[in-house]
Amino acid sequence: MLNGEKITDIARKKLYLNTHLLITDNNLIEIENCKKVVEYNDIYLKILTSNMILEVMGSELSISDYNTDGIIIRGKISSVEFMKR
């Protein structure tokens, strides 16, 4: 380890593989480096990223602008939970 960092963490930073989130108020979340949408309905989303599982709870949730690198979640967001993979 270099200065307490694992080699995989260093590589992840250099290759831009980390998950990036932009949360705007409680109605928009932009997620970069999203790997897979595991579950999706209008009140719950479960998303798999390269290093975590992201759970979003709310109402009127929808996914837009889905591409190979990320998604945009819109709706009335009540909670976001991060879990280590």
Protein backbone atom coordinates (compact mmCIF):
# COMPACT_ATOMS: atom_id res chain seq x y z
CA MET A 1 0.00 0.00 0.00
CA LEU A 2 1.10 3.50 -0.79
CA ASN A 3 0.27 5.95 2.00
CA GLY A 4 -2.60 3.75 3.17
CA GLU A 5 -4.20 3.51 -0.28
CA LYS A 6 -4.75 0.20 -2.01
CA ILE A 7 -3.46 -0.27 -5.54
CA THR A 8 -7.05 -0.84 -6.74
CA ASP A 9 -8.12 2.50 -5.24
CA ILE A 10 -5.28 4.30 -6.99
CA ALA A 11 -6.10 2.63 -10.32
CA ARG A 12 -9.80 3.47 -9.89
CA LYS A 13 -8.95 7.16 -9.46
CA LYS A 14 -6.57 7.25 -12.41
CA LEU A 15 -8.99 5.46 -14.75
CA TYR A 16 -12.01 7.52 -13.57
CA LEU A 17 -13.87 4.40 -12.43
CA ASN A 18 -15.22 5.90 -9.21
CA THR A 19 -18.91 6.60 -8.94
CA HIS A 20 -19.78 10.29 -9.15
CA LEU A 21 -23.07 11.63 -7.79
CA LEU A 22 -24.67 15.02 -8.22
CA ILE A 23 -27.72 15.57 -6.03
CA THR A 24 -29.87 18.62 -6.71
CA ASP A 25 -32.36 19.36 -3.95
CA ASN A 26 -34.58 16.32 -3.43
CA ASN A 27 -35.71 15.93 -7.02
CA LEU A 28 -32.68 15.02 -9.16
CA ILE A 29 -29.69 12.68 -8.89
CA GLU A 30 -27.11 12.26 -11.65
CA ILE A 31 -24.99 9.11 -11.34
CA GLU A 32 -21.86 8.55 -13.42
CA ASN A 33 -20.28 5.10 -13.80
CA CYS A 34 -23.50 3.25 -13.15
CA LYS A 35 -23.13 -0.43 -14.04
CA LYS A 36 -26.65 -1.83 -13.76
CA VAL A 37 -30.16 -0.99 -12.60
CA VAL A 38 -31.09 -3.97 -10.42
CA GLU A 39 -34.62 -2.91 -9.37
CA TYR A 40 -36.77 -0.05 -10.57
CA ASN A 41 -40.28 1.17 -9.86
CA ASP A 42 -41.84 4.54 -9.02
CA ILE A 43 -40.92 4.40 -5.30
CA TYR A 44 -37.64 2.41 -5.19
CA LEU A 45 -34.45 2.13 -7.23
CA LYS A 46 -31.52 -0.20 -6.64
CA ILE A 47 -28.43 0.59 -8.69
CA LEU A 48 -25.15 -1.28 -8.97
CA THR A 49 -21.98 0.78 -9.45
CA SER A 50 -18.37 -0.33 -9.68
CA ASN A 51 -17.82 -0.27 -5.92
CA MET A 52 -21.20 0.13 -4.19
CA ILE A 53 -24.92 -0.50 -4.25
CA LEU A 54 -27.06 2.61 -4.24
CA GLU A 55 -30.69 2.53 -3.05
CA VAL A 56 -33.01 5.46 -3.70
CA MET A 57 -36.44 5.77 -2.06
CA GLY A 58 -39.12 8.30 -2.88
CA SER A 59 -42.19 8.78 -5.04
CA GLU A 60 -42.78 9.41 -8.73
CA LEU A 61 -39.22 8.20 -9.45
CA SER A 62 -38.16 7.89 -13.07
CA ILE A 63 -34.92 7.23 -14.90
CA SER A 64 -33.97 9.34 -17.88
CA ASP A 65 -30.95 9.83 -20.10
CA TYR A 66 -29.78 6.26 -19.55
CA ASN A 67 -26.50 5.60 -21.33
CA THR A 68 -23.52 3.32 -20.85
CA ASP A 69 -21.90 5.62 -18.28
CA GLY A 70 -24.71 6.96 -16.17
CA ILE A 71 -28.32 7.78 -15.43
CA ILE A 72 -30.46 10.65 -14.21
CA ILE A 73 -33.09 9.98 -11.56
CA ARG A 74 -35.98 12.41 -11.19
CA GLY A 75 -38.83 12.45 -8.70
CA LYS A 76 -39.50 13.23 -5.06
CA ILE A 77 -36.45 11.68 -3.37
CA SER A 78 -36.81 10.91 0.34
CA SER A 79 -33.62 8.90 0.99
CA VAL A 80 -30.41 7.65 -0.58
CA GLU A 81 -28.50 4.72 0.94
CA PHE A 82 -24.97 3.62 0.10
CA MET A 83 -23.86 0.04 0.68
CA LYS A 84 -20.42 -1.43 0.05
CA ARG A 85 -20.28 -4.22 -2.55
